[in-house]
Amino acid sequence: MLRATTLIALLLLAGYGVFKALPILSGPELTLSSPAEGQSFEGGFVLIKGMATHTENLALDGAPLLIDADGHFSTTLVLPHGGAILSLTATDRFGKSESVRRTIFVP
């Protein structure tokens, strides 16, 4: 009886450990709420915002972006007339990365 109880307790602990470690091991998650794909920005002021979780570094077109404690980020760019492709890349401490690209226009 004691062996069975000990085995069940160890299995529960191992299962809980896997449950808690899985989001960290699965890599970063990157959600871009603004801008939308193909959106136009009159005047060239572009608000970029979203959320990055399980992320060590976040870069916008290669330049670092700051993330708050909850994973939110926000910045404003001023772009010239024409089209632009924005590329955000989130990288975790294990080197896994996720990227999001948006094509936008400034009339």
N, C-alpha and C. Protein backbone atom coordinates (compact mmCIF):
# COMPACT_ATOMS: atom_id res chain seq x y z
N MET A 1 0.82 -1.19 0.00
CA MET A 1 0.00 0.00 0.00
C MET A 1 0.87 1.26 0.00
N LEU A 2 1.92 1.25 0.80
CA LEU A 2 2.82 2.41 0.86
C LEU A 2 3.52 2.62 -0.47
N ARG A 3 3.91 1.53 -1.15
CA ARG A 3 4.56 1.64 -2.46
C ARG A 3 3.61 2.25 -3.49
N ALA A 4 2.38 1.82 -3.48
CA ALA A 4 1.40 2.33 -4.43
C ALA A 4 1.15 3.82 -4.19
N THR A 5 1.03 4.24 -2.95
CA THR A 5 0.82 5.64 -2.61
C THR A 5 2.02 6.48 -3.03
N THR A 6 3.21 5.98 -2.78
CA THR A 6 4.44 6.69 -3.16
C THR A 6 4.53 6.81 -4.67
N LEU A 7 4.21 5.74 -5.39
CA LEU A 7 4.25 5.77 -6.85
C LEU A 7 3.25 6.77 -7.42
N ILE A 8 2.06 6.79 -6.87
CA ILE A 8 1.03 7.74 -7.32
C ILE A 8 1.48 9.18 -7.06
N ALA A 9 2.06 9.43 -5.88
CA ALA A 9 2.54 10.77 -5.55
C ALA A 9 3.65 11.21 -6.50
N LEU A 10 4.57 10.32 -6.82
CA LEU A 10 5.66 10.65 -7.75
C LEU A 10 5.13 10.91 -9.16
N LEU A 11 4.17 10.13 -9.60
CA LEU A 11 3.58 10.34 -10.92
C LEU A 11 2.84 11.69 -10.99
N LEU A 12 2.13 12.02 -9.92
CA LEU A 12 1.44 13.31 -9.88
C LEU A 12 2.43 14.47 -9.91
N LEU A 13 3.52 14.35 -9.16
CA LEU A 13 4.54 15.40 -9.16
C LEU A 13 5.20 15.54 -10.53
N ALA A 14 5.51 14.43 -11.16
CA ALA A 14 6.13 14.46 -12.48
C ALA A 14 5.15 15.07 -13.50
N GLY A 15 3.89 14.71 -13.43
CA GLY A 15 2.88 15.26 -14.34
C GLY A 15 2.72 16.76 -14.16
N TYR A 16 2.74 17.21 -12.92
CA TYR A 16 2.63 18.63 -12.64
C TYR A 16 3.84 19.38 -13.18
N GLY A 17 5.02 18.81 -13.02
CA GLY A 17 6.24 19.43 -13.54
C GLY A 17 6.21 19.58 -15.05
N VAL A 18 5.75 18.54 -15.74
CA VAL A 18 5.63 18.61 -17.20
C VAL A 18 4.59 19.66 -17.58
N PHE A 19 3.47 19.70 -16.88
CA PHE A 19 2.41 20.68 -17.15
C PHE A 19 2.94 22.11 -17.02
N LYS A 20 3.73 22.38 -16.00
CA LYS A 20 4.26 23.73 -15.78
C LYS A 20 5.40 24.07 -16.74
N ALA A 21 6.20 23.08 -17.16
CA ALA A 21 7.35 23.32 -18.03
C ALA A 21 6.98 23.41 -19.50
N LEU A 22 5.87 22.84 -19.90
CA LEU A 22 5.50 22.78 -21.31
C LEU A 22 5.41 24.15 -21.98
N PRO A 23 4.77 25.17 -21.40
CA PRO A 23 4.74 26.48 -22.07
C PRO A 23 6.13 27.08 -22.26
N ILE A 24 7.02 26.87 -21.31
CA ILE A 24 8.37 27.42 -21.42
C ILE A 24 9.15 26.69 -22.51
N LEU A 25 9.02 25.39 -22.57
CA LEU A 25 9.76 24.60 -23.55
C LEU A 25 9.20 24.71 -24.96
N SER A 26 7.94 25.13 -25.09
CA SER A 26 7.33 25.22 -26.42
C SER A 26 7.80 26.44 -27.21
N GLY A 27 8.45 27.39 -26.58
CA GLY A 27 8.98 28.55 -27.29
C GLY A 27 8.16 29.81 -27.07
N PRO A 28 8.62 30.92 -27.66
CA PRO A 28 7.93 32.20 -27.47
C PRO A 28 6.62 32.26 -28.23
N GLU A 29 5.73 33.11 -27.74
CA GLU A 29 4.46 33.39 -28.40
C GLU A 29 4.40 34.89 -28.68
N LEU A 30 4.07 35.23 -29.90
CA LEU A 30 4.06 36.62 -30.33
C LEU A 30 2.72 36.95 -30.97
N THR A 31 2.04 37.96 -30.42
CA THR A 31 0.76 38.41 -30.96
C THR A 31 0.88 39.90 -31.29
N LEU A 32 0.58 40.25 -32.52
CA LEU A 32 0.65 41.64 -32.97
C LEU A 32 -0.78 42.14 -33.17
N SER A 33 -1.21 43.06 -32.31
CA SER A 33 -2.58 43.58 -32.41
C SER A 33 -2.69 44.79 -33.33
N SER A 34 -1.59 45.48 -33.56
CA SER A 34 -1.57 46.61 -34.47
C SER A 34 -0.17 46.73 -35.07
N PRO A 35 -0.03 46.92 -36.33
CA PRO A 35 -1.02 47.19 -37.37
C PRO A 35 -1.58 45.91 -37.98
N ALA A 36 -2.70 46.06 -38.66
CA ALA A 36 -3.29 44.95 -39.40
C ALA A 36 -2.60 44.83 -40.76
N GLU A 37 -2.64 43.65 -41.33
CA GLU A 37 -2.06 43.41 -42.65
C GLU A 37 -2.73 44.31 -43.69
N GLY A 38 -1.89 45.05 -44.45
CA GLY A 38 -2.39 45.91 -45.52
C GLY A 38 -2.98 47.24 -45.07
N GLN A 39 -2.85 47.57 -43.80
CA GLN A 39 -3.44 48.81 -43.27
C GLN A 39 -2.70 50.03 -43.82
N SER A 40 -3.45 51.12 -44.04
CA SER A 40 -2.88 52.39 -44.49
C SER A 40 -2.81 53.37 -43.32
N PHE A 41 -1.75 54.17 -43.31
CA PHE A 41 -1.54 55.14 -42.23
C PHE A 41 -1.33 56.52 -42.83
N GLU A 42 -2.35 57.35 -42.73
CA GLU A 42 -2.28 58.73 -43.21
C GLU A 42 -1.30 59.49 -42.32
N GLY A 43 -0.37 60.18 -42.92
CA GLY A 43 0.60 60.96 -42.16
C GLY A 43 1.85 60.19 -41.79
N GLY A 44 1.83 58.87 -41.92
CA GLY A 44 3.02 58.08 -41.68
C GLY A 44 3.28 57.63 -40.26
N PHE A 45 2.41 58.00 -39.30
CA PHE A 45 2.59 57.57 -37.92
C PHE A 45 1.98 56.19 -37.74
N VAL A 46 2.82 55.22 -37.40
CA VAL A 46 2.40 53.82 -37.30
C VAL A 46 2.55 53.35 -35.85
N LEU A 47 1.45 52.93 -35.24
CA LEU A 47 1.48 52.38 -33.89
C LEU A 47 1.65 50.88 -33.99
N ILE A 48 2.69 50.38 -33.34
CA ILE A 48 2.95 48.94 -33.31
C ILE A 48 2.79 48.49 -31.87
N LYS A 49 1.86 47.55 -31.65
CA LYS A 49 1.66 47.06 -30.29
C LYS A 49 1.20 45.62 -30.33
N GLY A 50 1.47 44.95 -29.22
CA GLY A 50 1.10 43.54 -29.13
C GLY A 50 1.57 42.95 -27.83
N MET A 51 1.72 41.63 -27.85
CA MET A 51 2.12 40.91 -26.64
C MET A 51 3.09 39.79 -27.02
N ALA A 52 4.13 39.64 -26.21
CA ALA A 52 5.12 38.59 -26.40
C ALA A 52 5.32 37.87 -25.07
N THR A 53 5.07 36.56 -25.05
CA THR A 53 5.24 35.79 -23.83
C THR A 53 6.34 34.76 -24.02
N HIS A 54 6.93 34.36 -22.91
CA HIS A 54 8.06 33.41 -22.92
C HIS A 54 9.17 33.92 -23.83
N THR A 55 9.45 35.22 -23.74
CA THR A 55 10.37 35.90 -24.65
C THR A 55 11.52 36.54 -23.89
N GLU A 56 12.72 36.29 -24.37
CA GLU A 56 13.92 36.91 -23.81
C GLU A 56 14.23 38.22 -24.56
N ASN A 57 14.12 38.19 -25.90
CA ASN A 57 14.41 39.35 -26.74
C ASN A 57 13.31 39.53 -27.77
N LEU A 58 12.99 40.79 -28.05
CA LEU A 58 12.02 41.12 -29.09
C LEU A 58 12.65 42.18 -29.98
N ALA A 59 12.58 41.95 -31.30
CA ALA A 59 13.20 42.88 -32.24
C ALA A 59 12.20 43.25 -33.33
N LEU A 60 12.23 44.53 -33.70
CA LEU A 60 11.45 45.05 -34.82
C LEU A 60 12.43 45.44 -35.91
N ASP A 61 12.41 44.72 -37.01
CA ASP A 61 13.35 44.93 -38.12
C ASP A 61 14.80 44.96 -37.61
N GLY A 62 15.11 44.09 -36.66
CA GLY A 62 16.46 43.96 -36.13
C GLY A 62 16.78 44.85 -34.95
N ALA A 63 15.97 45.85 -34.67
CA ALA A 63 16.21 46.77 -33.54
C ALA A 63 15.43 46.27 -32.32
N PRO A 64 16.05 46.29 -31.14
CA PRO A 64 15.38 45.78 -29.94
C PRO A 64 14.16 46.61 -29.55
N LEU A 65 13.14 45.91 -29.05
CA LEU A 65 11.92 46.52 -28.54
C LEU A 65 11.78 46.15 -27.08
N LEU A 66 11.33 47.08 -26.25
CA LEU A 66 11.15 46.81 -24.83
C LEU A 66 9.81 46.12 -24.58
N ILE A 67 9.84 45.19 -23.62
CA ILE A 67 8.65 44.45 -23.22
C ILE A 67 8.43 44.72 -21.74
N ASP A 68 7.17 45.01 -21.33
CA ASP A 68 6.92 45.21 -19.90
C ASP A 68 6.82 43.86 -19.19
N ALA A 69 6.60 43.91 -17.88
CA ALA A 69 6.59 42.69 -17.06
C ALA A 69 5.47 41.72 -17.46
N ASP A 70 4.39 42.25 -18.05
CA ASP A 70 3.28 41.40 -18.47
C ASP A 70 3.41 40.90 -19.90
N GLY A 71 4.46 41.34 -20.60
CA GLY A 71 4.69 40.91 -21.98
C GLY A 71 4.17 41.85 -23.04
N HIS A 72 3.62 43.00 -22.65
CA HIS A 72 3.09 43.96 -23.62
C HIS A 72 4.22 44.82 -24.19
N PHE A 73 4.08 45.20 -25.44
CA PHE A 73 5.02 46.12 -26.06
C PHE A 73 4.26 47.11 -26.92
N SER A 74 4.87 48.28 -27.12
CA SER A 74 4.25 49.33 -27.91
C SER A 74 5.32 50.32 -28.35
N THR A 75 5.25 50.74 -29.59
CA THR A 75 6.15 51.77 -30.10
C THR A 75 5.47 52.45 -31.29
N THR A 76 5.94 53.63 -31.63
CA THR A 76 5.41 54.38 -32.77
C THR A 76 6.55 54.65 -33.74
N LEU A 77 6.28 54.40 -35.01
CA LEU A 77 7.24 54.70 -36.06
C LEU A 77 6.69 55.80 -36.95
N VAL A 78 7.59 56.57 -37.52
CA VAL A 78 7.21 57.55 -38.54
C VAL A 78 7.85 57.07 -39.84
N LEU A 79 6.99 56.72 -40.81
CA LEU A 79 7.49 56.16 -42.06
C LEU A 79 7.21 57.10 -43.23
N PRO A 80 8.06 57.06 -44.26
CA PRO A 80 7.84 57.88 -45.45
C PRO A 80 6.73 57.28 -46.32
N HIS A 81 6.31 58.01 -47.34
CA HIS A 81 5.27 57.54 -48.25
C HIS A 81 5.73 56.25 -48.94
N GLY A 82 4.77 55.36 -49.15
CA GLY A 82 5.06 54.11 -49.84
C GLY A 82 4.71 52.91 -48.98
N GLY A 83 5.17 51.77 -49.40
CA GLY A 83 4.90 50.54 -48.67
C GLY A 83 6.07 50.17 -47.76
N ALA A 84 5.76 49.41 -46.75
CA ALA A 84 6.79 48.94 -45.82
C ALA A 84 6.41 47.56 -45.32
N ILE A 85 7.43 46.75 -45.07
CA ILE A 85 7.23 45.45 -44.47
C ILE A 85 7.87 45.48 -43.09
N LEU A 86 7.05 45.28 -42.07
CA LEU A 86 7.53 45.25 -40.69
C LEU A 86 7.72 43.80 -40.27
N SER A 87 8.84 43.51 -39.63
CA SER A 87 9.13 42.15 -39.19
C SER A 87 9.48 42.17 -37.71
N LEU A 88 8.68 41.48 -36.91
CA LEU A 88 8.95 41.34 -35.48
C LEU A 88 9.39 39.91 -35.20
N THR A 89 10.43 39.77 -34.37
CA THR A 89 10.93 38.45 -34.03
C THR A 89 11.11 38.36 -32.52
N ALA A 90 10.48 37.36 -31.92
CA ALA A 90 10.61 37.09 -30.49
C ALA A 90 11.50 35.86 -30.33
N THR A 91 12.48 35.93 -29.43
CA THR A 91 13.40 34.83 -29.18
C THR A 91 13.40 34.52 -27.70
N ASP A 92 13.35 33.24 -27.36
CA ASP A 92 13.39 32.85 -25.95
C ASP A 92 14.82 32.54 -25.52
N ARG A 93 15.01 32.20 -24.27
CA ARG A 93 16.35 31.98 -23.73
C ARG A 93 17.00 30.70 -24.25
N PHE A 94 16.23 29.86 -24.93
CA PHE A 94 16.77 28.63 -25.51
C PHE A 94 17.09 28.79 -26.99
N GLY A 95 16.87 29.98 -27.55
CA GLY A 95 17.18 30.24 -28.95
C GLY A 95 16.03 29.99 -29.91
N LYS A 96 14.89 29.55 -29.41
CA LYS A 96 13.72 29.36 -30.28
C LYS A 96 13.13 30.73 -30.60
N SER A 97 12.61 30.88 -31.82
CA SER A 97 12.07 32.18 -32.19
C SER A 97 10.76 32.03 -32.94
N GLU A 98 9.99 33.11 -32.92
CA GLU A 98 8.76 33.22 -33.68
C GLU A 98 8.74 34.60 -34.32
N SER A 99 8.32 34.67 -35.57
CA SER A 99 8.30 35.94 -36.30
C SER A 99 6.90 36.24 -36.84
N VAL A 100 6.61 37.53 -36.92
CA VAL A 100 5.36 38.02 -37.51
C VAL A 100 5.74 39.14 -38.47
N ARG A 101 5.14 39.11 -39.67
CA ARG A 101 5.40 40.16 -40.66
C ARG A 101 4.10 40.84 -41.03
N ARG A 102 4.17 42.14 -41.27
CA ARG A 102 3.02 42.92 -41.71
C ARG A 102 3.47 43.84 -42.84
N THR A 103 2.66 43.91 -43.88
CA THR A 103 2.86 44.85 -44.96
C THR A 103 1.89 46.00 -44.75
N ILE A 104 2.42 47.22 -44.70
CA ILE A 104 1.58 48.40 -44.47
C ILE A 104 1.86 49.44 -45.54
N PHE A 105 1.01 50.46 -45.62
CA PHE A 105 1.15 51.50 -46.63
C PHE A 105 0.97 52.88 -46.02
N VAL A 106 1.75 53.82 -46.54
CA VAL A 106 1.60 55.22 -46.18
C VAL A 106 1.31 55.97 -47.48
N PRO A 107 0.06 56.46 -47.64
CA PRO A 107 -0.32 57.13 -48.91
C PRO A 107 0.35 58.48 -49.08
